[in-house]
C-alpha atoms as a PDB file:
ATOM      1  CA  MET A   1      17.655 -16.429   9.808  1.00  0.00           C
ATOM      2  CA  LYS A   2      19.168 -16.270   6.641  1.00  0.00           C
ATOM      3  CA  ALA A   3      17.139 -16.614   3.074  1.00  0.00           C
ATOM      4  CA  VAL A   4      18.279 -16.458  -0.347  1.00  0.00           C
ATOM      5  CA  LEU A   5      15.455 -15.604  -3.185  1.00  0.00           C
ATOM      6  CA  GLU A   6      16.176 -16.147  -6.469  1.00  0.00           C
ATOM      7  CA  PHE A   7      14.423 -14.008  -9.081  1.00  0.00           C
ATOM      8  CA  ASN A   8      15.141 -14.219 -12.808  1.00  0.00           C
ATOM      9  CA  TYR A   9      14.781 -10.675 -14.027  1.00  0.00           C
ATOM     10  CA  PRO A  10      13.096  -8.964 -15.639  1.00  0.00           C
ATOM     11  CA  GLU A  11      10.434 -11.734 -15.748  1.00  0.00           C
ATOM     12  CA  ASP A  12      10.120 -11.596 -12.262  1.00  0.00           C
ATOM     13  CA  GLU A  13      10.256  -7.951 -11.452  1.00  0.00           C
ATOM     14  CA  ARG A  14       6.540  -8.714 -10.002  1.00  0.00           C
ATOM     15  CA  LYS A  15       7.362 -10.697  -7.332  1.00  0.00           C
ATOM     16  CA  LEU A  16      10.719  -8.963  -6.140  1.00  0.00           C
ATOM     17  CA  LEU A  17       8.425  -5.528  -5.812  1.00  0.00           C
ATOM     18  CA  TYR A  18       6.278  -7.244  -3.055  1.00  0.00           C
ATOM     19  CA  ALA A  19       9.685  -8.980  -1.296  1.00  0.00           C
ATOM     20  CA  ILE A  20      11.488  -6.077  -1.455  1.00  0.00           C
ATOM     21  CA  LYS A  21       8.561  -3.314  -0.488  1.00  0.00           C
ATOM     22  CA  GLY A  22       4.928  -5.979   0.483  1.00  0.00           C
ATOM     23  CA  LYS A  23       5.456  -5.560   4.320  1.00  0.00           C
ATOM     24  CA  ASP A  24       5.231  -1.443   3.814  1.00  0.00           C
ATOM     25  CA  MET A  25       2.471  -1.957   1.352  1.00  0.00           C
ATOM     26  CA  TYR A  26       0.852  -4.245   3.256  1.00  0.00           C
ATOM     27  CA  VAL A  27       1.273  -1.124   6.416  1.00  0.00           C
ATOM     28  CA  THR A  28      -0.448   0.930   3.181  1.00  0.00           C
ATOM     29  CA  LEU A  29      -3.722  -1.534   2.327  1.00  0.00           C
ATOM     30  CA  VAL A  30      -4.378  -1.750   6.266  1.00  0.00           C
ATOM     31  CA  SER A  31      -4.305   2.307   6.962  1.00  0.00           C
ATOM     32  CA  ILE A  32      -7.020   2.549   4.251  1.00  0.00           C
ATOM     33  CA  ARG A  33      -8.923  -0.216   5.647  1.00  0.00           C
ATOM     34  CA  VAL A  34      -9.078   1.806   9.031  1.00  0.00           C
ATOM     35  CA  LEU A  35      -9.694   5.172   7.698  1.00  0.00           C
ATOM     36  CA  LEU A  36     -12.797   3.452   5.385  1.00  0.00           C
ATOM     37  CA  ALA A  37     -13.804   2.026   8.566  1.00  0.00           C
ATOM     38  CA  LYS A  38     -13.488   4.751  10.393  1.00  0.00           C
ATOM     39  CA  ARG A  39     -15.734   7.755   7.619  1.00  0.00           C
ATOM     40  CA  ILE A  40     -18.008   5.787   5.859  1.00  0.00           C
ATOM     41  CA  THR A  41     -20.946   6.250   7.364  1.00  0.00           C
ATOM     42  CA  HIS A  42     -24.307   6.596   6.045  1.00  0.00           C
ATOM     43  CA  LYS A  43     -23.827   9.905   5.656  1.00  0.00           C
ATOM     44  CA  ALA A  44     -20.140   9.977   4.658  1.00  0.00           C
ATOM     45  CA  ASP A  45     -18.638  12.324   2.547  1.00  0.00           C
ATOM     46  CA  MET A  46     -17.124  10.232   0.204  1.00  0.00           C
ATOM     47  CA  ALA A  47     -15.075  12.961  -1.691  1.00  0.00           C
ATOM     48  CA  ASP A  48     -13.270  13.319   2.003  1.00  0.00           C
ATOM     49  CA  THR A  49     -13.081   9.513   1.982  1.00  0.00           C
ATOM     50  CA  LEU A  50     -11.381   9.101  -1.556  1.00  0.00           C
ATOM     51  CA  GLU A  51      -9.186  12.041  -0.907  1.00  0.00           C
ATOM     52  CA  GLY A  52      -8.191  10.200   2.263  1.00  0.00           C
ATOM     53  CA  VAL A  53      -7.222   7.289   0.553  1.00  0.00           C
ATOM     54  CA  ARG A  54      -5.629   8.921  -1.807  1.00  0.00           C
ATOM     55  CA  ASN A  55      -3.381  10.635   0.495  1.00  0.00           C
ATOM     56  CA  ALA A  56      -2.146   7.047   2.468  1.00  0.00           C
ATOM     57  CA  ILE A  57      -1.295   5.915  -1.710  1.00  0.00           C
ATOM     58  CA  ASP A  58       0.808   8.996  -2.305  1.00  0.00           C
ATOM     59  CA  ASP A  59       2.178   8.682   1.062  1.00  0.00           C
ATOM     60  CA  ILE A  60       3.542   5.218   0.756  1.00  0.00           C
ATOM     61  CA  PHE A  61       4.541   6.034  -2.896  1.00  0.00           C
ATOM     62  CA  TYR A  62       7.076   9.012  -1.557  1.00  0.00           C
ATOM     63  CA  ASP A  63       8.487   6.799   1.571  1.00  0.00           C
ATOM     64  CA  LEU A  64       9.302   3.554  -0.847  1.00  0.00           C
ATOM     65  CA  GLY A  65      10.444   6.949  -3.728  1.00  0.00           C
ATOM     66  CA  GLU A  66       8.468   5.991  -6.375  1.00  0.00           C
END
């Protein structure tokens, strides 16, 4: 199956970014959600949790070449 997507660049730059990198962005959001679910408790170390979130975001930016 083939799909043709048309974008008016630069006006649709954000839509183009989502079309190209959307799957990777979604995977990162799911990873962050899972990380938060594992770490957040009533006695959670918030600094440690936020560092984990930051690391997950940094990893995806690295993987995407940003």
